[in-house]
Protein backbone atom coordinates (compact mmCIF):
# COMPACT_ATOMS: atom_id res chain seq x y z
CA MET A 1 -21.62 18.26 -3.37
CA THR A 2 -21.15 15.96 -0.37
CA ASN A 3 -18.24 15.80 2.04
CA PHE A 4 -17.55 12.13 1.32
CA LYS A 5 -17.29 9.62 -1.50
CA LYS A 6 -17.92 5.86 -1.36
CA GLU A 7 -16.82 3.37 -4.02
CA GLU A 8 -16.51 -0.42 -4.12
CA ILE A 9 -13.41 -2.39 -5.11
CA GLY A 10 -14.95 -5.79 -4.34
CA THR A 11 -13.59 -8.48 -2.07
CA MET A 12 -9.90 -9.27 -1.73
CA ALA A 13 -10.50 -12.42 -3.79
CA GLU A 14 -11.95 -10.32 -6.61
CA LEU A 15 -8.97 -7.97 -6.86
CA GLY A 16 -7.07 -10.39 -9.10
CA LYS A 17 -10.00 -10.62 -11.51
CA ASN A 18 -11.07 -6.99 -11.57
CA TYR A 19 -7.77 -5.09 -11.43
CA GLU A 20 -4.50 -5.36 -13.32
CA ASN A 21 -1.91 -7.25 -11.27
CA GLY A 22 -4.41 -7.68 -8.41
CA LYS A 23 -3.94 -4.09 -7.27
CA ALA A 24 -6.68 -1.48 -6.87
CA PHE A 25 -5.44 2.13 -6.79
CA LEU A 26 -7.77 4.46 -4.90
CA HIS A 27 -6.38 7.85 -6.04
CA ASP A 28 -8.58 8.16 -9.13
CA LEU A 29 -11.44 6.05 -7.78
CA LEU A 30 -11.99 8.30 -4.74
CA GLY A 31 -10.43 11.53 -6.03
CA LEU A 32 -7.73 11.52 -3.35
CA THR A 33 -5.71 14.74 -2.96
CA SER A 34 -3.31 13.95 -0.12
CA CYS A 35 -2.01 10.44 -0.83
CA GLU A 36 -2.22 7.33 -2.99
CA ILE A 37 -3.56 4.13 -1.47
CA SER A 38 -3.49 0.74 -3.12
CA VAL A 39 -5.11 -2.49 -1.97
CA SER A 40 -3.33 -5.61 -3.25
CA SER A 41 -3.81 -9.34 -3.42
CA MET A 42 -0.70 -11.22 -4.55
CA PRO A 43 -0.91 -14.98 -5.20
CA ALA A 44 1.68 -17.29 -3.61
CA GLY A 45 5.00 -17.58 -5.43
CA ILE A 46 4.92 -14.22 -7.23
CA LYS A 47 7.97 -11.96 -7.35
CA LEU A 48 7.61 -8.42 -8.63
CA PRO A 49 9.62 -8.33 -11.87
CA PHE A 50 11.28 -5.00 -11.07
CA ASN A 51 12.99 -2.95 -8.39
CA HIS A 52 11.88 0.64 -7.93
CA LYS A 53 12.26 3.71 -5.73
CA HIS A 54 10.40 6.99 -5.42
CA ILE A 55 11.39 10.60 -5.81
CA GLN A 56 9.47 12.20 -2.92
CA ASN A 57 6.91 9.74 -1.54
CA GLU A 58 7.36 7.34 1.34
CA GLU A 59 5.33 4.14 1.33
CA ILE A 60 3.71 2.43 4.28
CA TYR A 61 2.84 -1.25 3.79
CA ILE A 62 0.23 -2.81 6.09
CA PHE A 63 0.07 -6.61 5.68
CA LEU A 64 -3.38 -8.11 6.21
CA LYS A 65 -2.82 -11.76 5.30
CA GLY A 66 -0.09 -14.17 4.26
CA GLU A 67 3.69 -14.20 4.27
CA GLY A 68 6.28 -12.70 1.99
CA ILE A 69 9.66 -11.11 1.58
CA MET A 70 10.53 -7.49 0.95
CA THR A 71 13.97 -6.61 -0.35
CA LEU A 72 14.87 -3.06 0.71
CA ASP A 73 18.27 -1.69 -0.35
CA ASN A 74 19.47 -5.29 -0.77
CA GLU A 75 18.34 -6.23 2.76
CA VAL A 76 15.77 -9.03 2.90
CA ILE A 77 13.03 -8.78 5.53
CA GLU A 78 10.20 -11.21 6.25
CA VAL A 79 6.64 -9.83 6.35
CA LYS A 80 3.40 -11.44 7.49
CA GLU A 81 -0.09 -10.61 8.69
CA GLY A 82 0.29 -7.73 11.13
CA SER A 83 3.62 -6.45 9.76
CA CYS A 84 3.83 -2.73 9.03
CA VAL A 85 6.78 -1.37 7.05
CA LYS A 86 7.69 2.25 6.25
CA VAL A 87 9.92 2.66 3.19
CA LEU A 88 11.58 6.02 2.52
CA PRO A 89 11.63 7.31 -1.06
CA LYS A 90 15.24 6.51 -1.98
CA ALA A 91 15.12 2.91 -0.77
CA VAL A 92 15.22 0.45 -3.66
CA ARG A 93 12.42 -2.05 -3.14
CA THR A 94 10.80 -5.20 -4.45
CA MET A 95 8.55 -7.89 -2.99
CA GLU A 96 7.86 -11.62 -3.21
CA SER A 97 4.93 -13.63 -1.84
CA LYS A 98 5.50 -16.96 -0.07
CA THR A 99 1.75 -17.53 0.45
CA ASP A 100 -1.23 -15.56 -0.80
CA LEU A 101 -0.36 -12.06 0.37
CA GLN A 102 -2.80 -9.23 0.97
CA TYR A 103 -1.72 -5.73 1.89
CA ILE A 104 -2.52 -2.04 1.78
CA CYS A 105 0.09 0.47 0.65
CA VAL A 106 -0.21 4.16 1.51
CA GLN A 107 2.01 6.55 -0.42
CA ALA A 108 2.45 10.18 0.69
CA LYS A 109 5.02 12.94 0.37
CA THR A 110 7.71 12.57 3.03
CA GLY A 111 7.50 15.28 5.70
CA SER A 112 4.12 16.62 4.55
CA LEU A 113 1.98 15.57 7.54
CA GLU A 114 1.28 18.65 9.66
CA GLN A 115 -1.24 17.26 12.13
CA PHE A 116 -2.83 13.89 12.86
CA GLY A 117 -5.26 12.15 15.19
CA PHE A 118 -6.98 14.56 17.58
CA GLY A 119 -4.54 17.29 16.50
CA ASP A 120 -6.63 17.51 13.33
CA ALA A 121 -10.06 17.12 14.89
CA GLU A 122 -12.70 19.21 16.57
CA LEU A 123 -15.78 18.09 18.44
CA CYS A 124 -19.07 18.89 16.72
């Protein structure tokens, strides 16, 4: 057994062809045990057809390309390349793309991070 796993999801342009709704979930692909990560490519003019919230997981959206709108608890915010948004579990959310929108979403249990950065590292 190795201490790492590498898989390929293809290019951002290929996400729409290879994955349902243009979204690749990495949990099963990489065997993740601490979080869920999805990589998404959303064509211009798409609005998610549902609102949702979570029970215990916060989501962090990191926008890589494009422009869009997130509606969070009925508040509309603009997002674009370079925007980062943390959404707590109980917030009702949906999203709409103005232009082709590419983003990464990290989902993890709220309050579960015990250490990070160099706090969880040792020199070898």
